[in-house]
Structure formats: C-alpha cells, structure tokens
C-alpha cells in the first residue's frame, strides 16, 4: 500500500476530458490513499492548481481545445507549477510524441486503459521523488535560516568584544575604567557562546521548534543596553539617554530575545546615525502593553525606504546630498528582528521622529 512508502498522502490532480477516465483514475488512486481532484479540461485543471496544490498531475495527452502539450507548456512557464511532476496519460504514442513530451518536461507515461499495479507504481515512484525533493529543499532553507540567525546574532557580541579590545590595546582607557572594558569582553563572549548553544545545539535537537514562552524585566533590558553600549556610543560622539519608569516592568517575551533585538537597533544607530544622540526609553503602550523604544537623531528614512525596511535582503541607501551613499540596512537584521519579536507574541515597527530621526518600537504584553 502507499503508506508503506510515502509518509504523507500525495495530492494528485487528474486532467482528462472523458468523465469515465476520470472516474476510473479517482477510484484507483483513492483506493491507494491519495487525495484526488479531477478536472475535465486543461484550463480548468490549471485554474485548480493554486487551491489544490497538487504533488503530481496525471494529464491526458489528447484533449479538445487545450491539449496536454499546451497545458504542459504553460505549467513549465510558471514558477509556481514548473516543479510539479507531470505524467502523460495516453492510449497510444510514437517515438516523436515521446521525444516532444520529454522535451517539454514530462517525467513519465501511463498507458490507458489503466492497470492498477502500473498506475500505483508510477504515481508512487514520482510522488516519493517529489516529496523527498521537497523535504531536502525545506532542510536547505532551514539550514540557511539557521546560518543567517547565528551569523546575525553573533555579529553584535563579537563587535562589542572587538571594540573593547581595541580600546584597551590603544591605551586610551582611563585606569579606573579598564575593569569595565574587561567586563564588556567577558559578557559579550558569554553571550556569543550562549547563542551558539541555543541555535546549534538546541535547534539541532529540535527543542526550539516552537518559540519558548518567557518573561523579561523590560527596565533591566534597558539597563543592560546602557551597560553594554554606553562606552561605545560615547566613544563615537553619540550620547546615550536611558529613560525608564521608577518601578520594574515585566513583559511576556524572553529577556534574551529583547536583548538581541535591542542591541541590533543600537548597532544600526551606530552605523547609520553617527554623531547623533541615542535614546532608549521604556514606557506604557496600548492598554496592557509596554514598549521599548530606541530612537536616534540621524537622517531618518524616506517614505519609500520605510516601505522596504523590514523586507529581507533589501538594502536601503541614504540620499543625503554631499555624502557618500551609505547602506541603511544590511538586508537581514531588521527583518529577522521583527520576525523574532512577532514569533514571541510582540510587535515591532518604525516611526519617523519629529526631528527627522528614526524610532524603532518593540511592544509586548505586560506579564
């Protein structure tokens, strides 16, 4: 039976202008556990694909109007359908027909009248190939995403280590502050090791398949950003102001998540709003919510750039006259940050400041 070979029931679309042929194909395929949809013309079959999302198509070669070759040609021209395996169904064919069909992308033929064993073997074989290929592609995408996440999250603690190391090496640190720079190196190193553990060990073991619920002291997150980045910001002429309520504020997002996203926003300000003051504020949001706001007083973004801001792999550029073109987005950081916050139940957005600067707001439910 099918389920000995394929873990998921395959979705088979049958396109044939003869209702008797459709009925026979449906009976045989459903007996093997497939999910089947039948259409009586090439156009109706093509129109059914977005909704049904077939894993395989059984396509009659000879049909009035739009024949099997016409359908196949359109399938291969569309990105959505070009990878769906197609089996031609025909009662007779010659070498020229075979060559033409394979040139257009047919993967196999099924003779009619149908023989149950042949239909099962051919359909099952190509479904197994399709589903295996789909799993490999999903694995490749997940691996690429993991690499992107690790690289993105390691970049910030490593840059803090490099900054503190360079300051100590240059001898420009006042003696009473040397210990603070060693603390930055140690804390950032511990963060980097922690990220590696989380992403490479826990995710590999599939213990992080679902975002873990957490709680964070939002005030403590703002204080952590202050400790980690005040020296670095001041060194580049960017005074940091931290505004927080007198009492601790707890929200329903893990503290590590808020730290990672918060420092991503700070490092963006370091790169793209040099010599401009930075403000980190904790304040009330919508009823039952609190916000962490990171504001710089740099050039800000145009409306066009704002529409592209959170799209992955989109690089935005400044349009300030008299300056070299500077990247305002690495292409992944803000996209990953927004997705991370939303996956943990929060929200993140951009606001243009009254003075033309940029504010990024993280909102989370009070715990």
Protein backbone atom coordinates (compact mmCIF):
# COMPACT_ATOMS: atom_id res chain seq x y z
CA UNK A 1 0.00 0.00 0.00
CA UNK A 2 1.01 3.65 -0.48
CA UNK A 3 1.63 4.38 3.15
CA UNK A 4 4.49 1.89 3.22
CA UNK A 5 6.45 4.28 1.00
CA UNK A 6 5.12 7.82 1.42
CA UNK A 7 4.66 9.37 4.86
CA UNK A 8 2.18 12.00 3.65
CA UNK A 9 -0.79 11.27 1.37
CA UNK A 10 0.04 12.58 -2.08
CA UNK A 11 -2.22 15.11 -3.79
CA UNK A 12 -2.91 14.07 -7.38
CA UNK A 13 -4.64 16.27 -9.97
CA UNK A 14 -6.17 14.34 -12.87
CA UNK A 15 -6.96 16.27 -16.08
CA UNK A 16 -8.96 14.38 -18.74
CA UNK A 17 -11.86 15.34 -20.99
CA UNK A 18 -13.56 11.94 -20.57
CA UNK A 19 -15.58 11.55 -17.39
CA UNK A 20 -15.29 7.75 -17.47
CA UNK A 21 -11.48 8.03 -17.43
CA UNK A 22 -11.64 10.47 -14.53
CA UNK A 23 -13.90 8.17 -12.54
CA UNK A 24 -11.57 5.21 -13.07
CA UNK A 25 -8.46 7.19 -12.10
CA UNK A 26 -10.16 8.55 -9.00
CA UNK A 27 -11.30 5.10 -7.86
CA UNK A 28 -7.84 3.55 -8.29
CA UNK A 29 -5.91 6.44 -6.72
CA UNK A 30 -8.20 6.95 -3.75
CA UNK A 31 -8.03 3.22 -3.04
CA UNK A 32 -4.27 3.73 -2.53
CA UNK A 33 -4.77 6.63 -0.11
CA UNK A 34 -4.13 9.56 -2.44
CA UNK A 35 -6.04 12.84 -2.29
CA UNK A 36 -7.52 13.25 -5.77
CA UNK A 37 -9.05 16.12 -7.71
CA UNK A 38 -10.42 15.69 -11.24
CA UNK A 39 -10.93 18.36 -13.93
CA UNK A 40 -12.42 17.89 -17.43
CA UNK A 41 -10.32 20.42 -19.38
CA UNK A 42 -6.82 21.80 -19.49
CA UNK A 43 -7.89 25.30 -18.48
CA UNK A 44 -9.95 24.06 -15.54
CA UNK A 45 -7.01 21.94 -14.42
CA UNK A 46 -4.64 24.91 -14.49
CA UNK A 47 -7.14 27.06 -12.61
CA UNK A 48 -7.45 24.39 -9.88
CA UNK A 49 -3.73 24.27 -9.09
CA UNK A 50 -3.43 27.28 -6.71
CA UNK A 51 -6.21 25.94 -4.47
CA UNK A 52 -5.43 22.21 -4.64
CA UNK A 53 -1.61 22.48 -4.66
CA UNK A 54 -1.01 19.06 -6.26
CA UNK A 55 2.12 16.99 -5.73
CA UNK A 56 1.63 15.31 -9.11
CA UNK A 57 -0.50 15.75 -12.23
CA UNK A 58 -1.96 13.00 -14.41
CA UNK A 59 -2.54 14.72 -17.73
CA UNK A 60 -4.42 13.41 -20.76
CA UNK A 61 -2.34 13.95 -23.88
CA UNK A 62 -5.19 14.39 -26.36
CA UNK A 63 -7.97 16.81 -25.41
CA UNK A 64 -10.04 19.24 -27.47
CA UNK A 65 -9.05 22.89 -27.36
CA UNK A 66 -6.14 22.96 -24.91
CA UNK A 67 -4.41 19.60 -25.27
CA UNK A 68 -1.88 18.05 -22.91
CA UNK A 69 1.08 19.70 -24.65
CA UNK A 70 -0.48 23.15 -24.26
CA UNK A 71 -1.14 22.53 -20.59
CA UNK A 72 2.37 21.23 -20.02
CA UNK A 73 3.92 24.22 -21.77
CA UNK A 74 2.02 26.63 -19.51
CA UNK A 75 2.92 24.62 -16.42
CA UNK A 76 6.62 24.89 -17.18
CA UNK A 77 6.41 28.64 -17.83
CA UNK A 78 5.06 29.42 -14.34
CA UNK A 79 7.32 29.40 -11.29
CA UNK A 80 4.51 28.07 -9.10
CA UNK A 81 3.98 24.97 -11.26
CA UNK A 82 7.23 24.26 -13.05
CA UNK A 83 8.42 21.73 -10.44
CA UNK A 84 5.21 19.67 -10.30
CA UNK A 85 5.86 16.26 -11.89
CA UNK A 86 3.54 15.51 -14.81
CA UNK A 87 2.65 12.04 -16.11
CA UNK A 88 1.09 11.88 -19.56
CA UNK A 89 -1.86 9.53 -19.96
CA UNK A 90 -2.44 8.10 -23.43
CA UNK A 91 -3.66 5.01 -25.24
CA UNK A 92 -1.03 5.19 -27.99
CA UNK A 93 2.16 7.11 -28.69
CA UNK A 94 5.17 7.01 -31.03
CA UNK A 95 8.83 7.98 -30.68
CA UNK A 96 8.29 11.55 -31.90
CA UNK A 97 5.49 12.06 -29.39
CA UNK A 98 7.67 10.71 -26.59
CA UNK A 99 10.57 12.98 -27.55
CA UNK A 100 8.34 16.05 -27.73
CA UNK A 101 6.75 15.29 -24.37
CA UNK A 102 10.03 14.71 -22.57
CA UNK A 103 11.47 17.89 -24.09
CA UNK A 104 8.58 19.79 -22.52
CA UNK A 105 9.21 18.23 -19.10
CA UNK A 106 7.01 15.15 -18.78
CA UNK A 107 8.52 12.77 -16.24
CA UNK A 108 6.72 9.57 -17.31
CA UNK A 109 3.84 7.97 -19.24
CA UNK A 110 0.88 5.93 -18.04
CA UNK A 111 -0.95 3.71 -20.54
CA UNK A 112 -4.71 3.63 -20.79
CA UNK A 113 -6.78 1.62 -20.10
CA UNK A 114 -5.32 1.85 -16.59
CA UNK A 115 -3.73 -1.14 -14.93
CA UNK A 116 -3.86 -0.77 -11.19
CA UNK A 117 -0.34 -2.09 -10.49
CA UNK A 118 1.28 0.12 -13.15
CA UNK A 119 -0.61 3.26 -12.10
CA UNK A 120 0.24 2.70 -8.45
CA UNK A 121 3.93 2.03 -9.15
CA UNK A 122 4.46 5.03 -11.43
CA UNK A 123 2.49 7.52 -9.36
CA UNK A 124 4.05 6.33 -6.12
CA UNK A 125 7.60 6.47 -7.52
CA UNK A 126 7.28 10.06 -8.70
CA UNK A 127 5.48 11.18 -5.56
CA UNK A 128 8.30 9.75 -3.48
CA UNK A 129 10.83 11.69 -5.57
CA UNK A 130 8.78 14.88 -5.31
CA UNK A 131 8.25 14.64 -1.57
CA UNK A 132 11.90 13.74 -0.97
CA UNK A 133 12.98 16.74 -3.01
CA UNK A 134 10.56 18.96 -1.09
CA UNK A 135 11.99 17.75 2.21
CA UNK A 136 15.54 18.40 1.01
CA UNK A 137 14.57 21.91 -0.04
CA UNK A 138 12.91 22.57 3.30
CA UNK A 139 16.03 21.32 5.07
CA UNK A 140 18.20 23.57 2.91
CA UNK A 141 16.01 26.58 3.69
CA UNK A 142 16.03 25.80 7.41
CA UNK A 143 19.81 25.41 7.35
CA UNK A 144 20.23 28.70 5.52
CA UNK A 145 17.93 30.40 8.01
CA UNK A 146 19.90 28.91 10.90
CA UNK A 147 23.18 30.17 9.42
CA UNK A 148 21.64 33.63 8.95
CA UNK A 149 20.37 33.70 12.53
CA UNK A 150 23.68 32.58 14.02
CA UNK A 151 25.72 34.99 11.91
CA UNK A 152 23.37 37.85 12.69
CA UNK A 153 23.27 37.25 16.44
CA UNK A 154 27.00 36.58 16.79
CA UNK A 155 27.88 39.77 14.96
CA UNK A 156 26.80 42.11 17.78
CA UNK A 157 28.60 40.49 20.75
CA UNK A 158 31.71 39.97 18.62
CA UNK A 159 31.71 43.63 17.58
CA UNK A 160 31.50 44.59 21.27
CA UNK A 161 34.49 42.37 22.01
CA UNK A 162 36.47 43.94 19.17
CA UNK A 163 35.59 47.45 20.32
CA UNK A 164 36.65 46.84 23.93
CA UNK A 165 39.81 45.02 22.86
CA UNK A 166 40.81 47.85 20.53
CA UNK A 167 40.27 50.46 23.23
CA UNK A 168 42.43 48.51 25.69
CA UNK A 169 45.09 47.91 23.07
CA UNK A 170 45.27 51.61 22.15
CA UNK A 171 45.78 52.55 25.78
CA UNK A 172 43.09 55.20 25.58
CA UNK A 173 41.05 53.89 28.52
CA UNK A 174 41.27 55.68 31.85
CA UNK A 175 42.73 53.36 34.53
CA UNK A 176 39.54 53.39 36.60
CA UNK A 177 37.51 52.17 33.58
CA UNK A 178 39.78 49.33 32.47
CA UNK A 179 37.81 46.82 34.54
CA UNK A 180 34.59 47.90 32.82
CA UNK A 181 36.05 47.10 29.39
CA UNK A 182 37.14 43.67 30.58
CA UNK A 183 33.56 43.11 31.76
CA UNK A 184 32.27 44.00 28.28
CA UNK A 185 34.62 41.45 26.73
CA UNK A 186 33.61 38.71 29.17
CA UNK A 187 29.87 39.40 29.00
CA UNK A 188 29.84 39.62 25.20
CA UNK A 189 31.87 36.42 24.96
CA UNK A 190 29.40 34.63 27.21
CA UNK A 191 26.53 35.90 25.05
CA UNK A 192 28.22 34.58 21.90
CA UNK A 193 28.74 31.15 23.44
CA UNK A 194 25.13 31.16 24.63
CA UNK A 195 23.83 31.94 21.14
CA UNK A 196 25.88 29.12 19.68
CA UNK A 197 24.46 26.74 22.27
CA UNK A 198 20.90 27.84 21.64
CA UNK A 199 20.98 27.71 17.85
CA UNK A 200 23.40 24.92 17.06
CA UNK A 201 22.67 22.52 19.89
CA UNK A 202 19.07 23.09 20.95
CA UNK A 203 17.68 23.70 17.45
CA UNK A 204 19.62 20.76 16.05
CA UNK A 205 17.94 18.65 18.73
CA UNK A 206 14.60 20.25 17.75
CA UNK A 207 13.98 21.50 21.27
CA UNK A 208 13.40 25.01 19.94
CA UNK A 209 10.91 24.10 17.19
CA UNK A 210 8.31 26.31 18.89
CA UNK A 211 9.31 29.70 20.36
CA UNK A 212 9.62 29.31 24.10
CA UNK A 213 7.46 31.49 26.33
CA UNK A 214 9.37 33.80 28.61
CA UNK A 215 9.24 36.83 30.86
CA UNK A 216 11.55 39.80 30.96
CA UNK A 217 12.14 42.80 33.13
CA UNK A 218 11.94 45.48 30.44
CA UNK A 219 13.63 48.00 32.72
CA UNK A 220 16.53 45.58 33.20
CA UNK A 221 16.84 45.18 29.42
CA UNK A 222 17.21 48.95 29.04
CA UNK A 223 19.83 48.94 31.80
CA UNK A 224 21.68 46.10 30.07
CA UNK A 225 21.78 48.07 26.80
CA UNK A 226 23.17 51.01 28.78
CA UNK A 227 25.95 48.90 30.32
CA UNK A 228 26.86 47.16 27.08
CA UNK A 229 26.87 50.16 24.73
CA UNK A 230 27.34 53.42 26.65
CA UNK A 231 31.13 53.46 26.30
CA UNK A 232 31.00 52.53 22.66
CA UNK A 233 28.40 55.18 21.83
CA UNK A 234 30.23 57.87 23.75
CA UNK A 235 33.48 56.98 22.01
CA UNK A 236 31.82 57.76 18.67
CA UNK A 237 30.27 61.02 19.86
CA UNK A 238 26.77 59.62 20.43
CA UNK A 239 25.47 60.47 23.91
CA UNK A 240 23.07 57.85 25.26
CA UNK A 241 20.00 58.69 27.31
CA UNK A 242 18.04 55.93 29.07
CA UNK A 243 14.51 56.70 30.26
CA UNK A 244 12.72 54.17 32.43
CA UNK A 245 9.84 54.05 34.90
CA UNK A 246 10.66 54.08 38.62
CA UNK A 247 9.31 50.56 39.10
CA UNK A 248 10.35 47.40 37.20
CA UNK A 249 8.17 46.46 34.23
CA UNK A 250 7.71 42.79 33.29
CA UNK A 251 6.57 41.66 29.83
CA UNK A 252 5.81 38.31 28.21
CA UNK A 253 8.87 37.96 25.98
CA UNK A 254 12.11 36.22 26.93
CA UNK A 255 14.82 38.63 28.09
CA UNK A 256 17.40 37.17 25.71
CA UNK A 257 15.11 37.94 22.75
CA UNK A 258 14.69 41.56 23.84
CA UNK A 259 18.42 41.95 24.39
CA UNK A 260 19.27 40.57 20.97
CA UNK A 261 16.79 42.80 19.17
CA UNK A 262 17.63 45.82 21.30
CA UNK A 263 21.33 45.62 20.57
CA UNK A 264 20.58 45.14 16.88
CA UNK A 265 18.78 48.51 16.94
CA UNK A 266 21.65 50.14 18.82
CA UNK A 267 24.26 48.85 16.38
CA UNK A 268 22.14 50.12 13.49
CA UNK A 269 22.22 53.57 15.08
CA UNK A 270 25.99 53.29 15.47
CA UNK A 271 26.41 52.57 11.78
CA UNK A 272 23.78 54.77 10.21
CA UNK A 273 23.31 57.73 12.57
CA UNK A 274 26.90 58.65 13.55
CA UNK A 275 27.47 61.58 15.92
CA UNK A 276 23.75 61.70 16.74
CA UNK A 277 22.27 61.26 20.24
CA UNK A 278 20.53 57.96 21.01
CA UNK A 279 17.66 57.43 23.40
CA UNK A 280 16.40 54.16 24.91
CA UNK A 281 13.03 54.51 26.63
CA UNK A 282 10.64 52.18 28.44
CA UNK A 283 7.07 53.47 28.55
CA UNK A 284 3.45 52.33 28.52
CA UNK A 285 1.87 51.39 25.20
CA UNK A 286 -1.63 50.20 24.39
CA UNK A 287 -3.65 49.11 27.45
CA UNK A 288 -1.96 46.07 28.95
CA UNK A 289 1.25 46.57 26.91
CA UNK A 290 4.67 48.14 27.43
CA UNK A 291 7.13 49.45 24.88
CA UNK A 292 10.87 49.57 24.44
CA UNK A 293 11.72 52.44 22.11
CA UNK A 294 15.15 53.04 20.55
CA UNK A 295 15.46 56.46 18.93
CA UNK A 296 18.33 58.03 17.04
CA UNK A 297 18.54 61.58 15.75
CA UNK A 298 20.14 60.71 12.43
CA UNK A 299 18.87 61.28 8.89
CA UNK A 300 15.79 59.04 9.19
CA UNK A 301 14.16 57.26 6.27
CA UNK A 302 12.05 58.42 3.36
CA UNK A 303 8.54 57.03 2.90
CA UNK A 304 9.81 54.82 0.07
CA UNK A 305 12.58 53.43 2.28
CA UNK A 306 10.15 52.81 5.12
CA UNK A 307 8.04 50.55 2.88
CA UNK A 308 11.11 48.41 2.20
CA UNK A 309 12.53 48.49 5.72
CA UNK A 310 11.53 45.08 7.05
CA UNK A 311 11.85 43.12 3.81
CA UNK A 312 14.67 40.53 3.86
CA UNK A 313 17.69 41.09 1.62
CA UNK A 314 16.59 44.61 0.70
CA UNK A 315 19.35 47.20 1.12
CA UNK A 316 18.32 50.80 1.59
CA UNK A 317 20.58 53.76 0.88
CA UNK A 318 20.73 57.32 2.12
CA UNK A 319 20.01 60.13 -0.27
CA UNK A 320 21.72 62.92 1.68
CA UNK A 321 23.42 65.39 -0.62
CA UNK A 322 27.16 65.80 -0.26
CA UNK A 323 27.72 62.42 1.35
CA UNK A 324 28.76 59.06 0.11
CA UNK A 325 25.94 56.57 -0.35
CA UNK A 326 25.64 54.61 2.87
CA UNK A 327 23.72 51.44 3.49
CA UNK A 328 20.91 51.93 5.95
CA UNK A 329 20.05 48.24 6.13
CA UNK A 330 22.22 45.16 5.98
CA UNK A 331 19.34 43.33 4.33
CA UNK A 332 18.62 40.84 7.10
CA UNK A 333 18.93 42.40 10.57
CA UNK A 334 15.64 44.26 10.86
CA UNK A 335 13.72 41.56 9.02
CA UNK A 336 14.97 38.92 11.45
CA UNK A 337 14.38 41.19 14.44
CA UNK A 338 10.77 41.90 13.51
CA UNK A 339 10.05 38.24 12.80
CA UNK A 340 11.64 37.19 16.10
CA UNK A 341 9.57 39.65 18.12
CA UNK A 342 6.34 38.66 16.37
CA UNK A 343 7.03 34.95 16.80
CA UNK A 344 7.15 35.59 20.56
CA UNK A 345 3.82 37.43 20.59
CA UNK A 346 5.05 41.02 20.37
CA UNK A 347 5.02 43.75 17.73
CA UNK A 348 7.77 45.87 16.19
CA UNK A 349 7.53 48.89 13.92
CA UNK A 350 9.25 52.05 12.70
CA UNK A 351 8.27 55.65 13.44
CA UNK A 352 9.83 58.76 11.97
CA UNK A 353 10.94 61.16 14.67
CA UNK A 354 9.70 64.74 14.90
CA UNK A 355 13.23 65.95 14.19
CA UNK A 356 13.67 63.60 11.23
CA UNK A 357 15.39 60.80 13.14
CA UNK A 358 14.28 57.18 13.48
CA UNK A 359 12.44 55.35 16.24
CA UNK A 360 12.04 51.59 16.43
CA UNK A 361 9.35 50.42 18.82
CA UNK A 362 9.01 46.98 20.41
CA UNK A 363 5.67 46.37 22.13
CA UNK A 364 4.97 43.38 24.39
CA UNK A 365 2.12 42.32 26.64
CA UNK A 366 2.58 43.03 30.32
CA UNK A 367 3.21 39.85 32.30
